[in-house]
Amino acid sequence: MNQERGQSLIEILIATAVFVITVSALSLFILNTYVSGRFAQEITTANYLAQEGLEAARSIRDNNWSNFTIGEHGLAISGNNWVFQGNKEDVSNQLRGGERKIIIEDMGLDRKKVTAKVTWFFSEARPQEVQLVTHFTNWAKLTPYLAQLHYRWRNDDGGE
């Protein structure tokens, strides 16, 4: 009889261990799925904000090249137009501790490098960053020259 009780106790311990391992593995899987989904959502939001920043910079450039100044800028809307304001923009309403900067660097005559940088905290110990980079030219200044080239090309080619 004592031996049967000993066997039952061992069976209960083994069953409990298998249950605890199974529940732990399932919990870890569910937690990992949640974290991965949240991270994917935040990366998507950060990419959207960076792309929006480049589009806003393009709008500022199109409105007035002289407003397209070198340095770090935040963005704001004034009178239905994007404008630079401050040196960064708070986007923490969309990303935890989030900031967006538009960084403009000179690349020569009528050409500038633009970086839209979004930073945020996925967790306290895990900062994240997304950067999108492009180059802009002062197309308004170059347009008459391009029009002249197009005119020459059409007339030299015997086109229309």
Foldseek 3Di string as FASTA:
>chain_A
DVVVVVVVVVVVVVVVVVVVVVVVVVVVVVVVVVLVVVVVVLVVVQVVQFVVVVVLLVQVLVVPVVQNDAAKFDWDADPNHIHTDDRWDDPCVRAPRKIWIWGWDDDDAQKIKIKIKIWHASDPVRIDMDIDIDMGGSVVVCVVVVVVVVVCVCVVVVHD
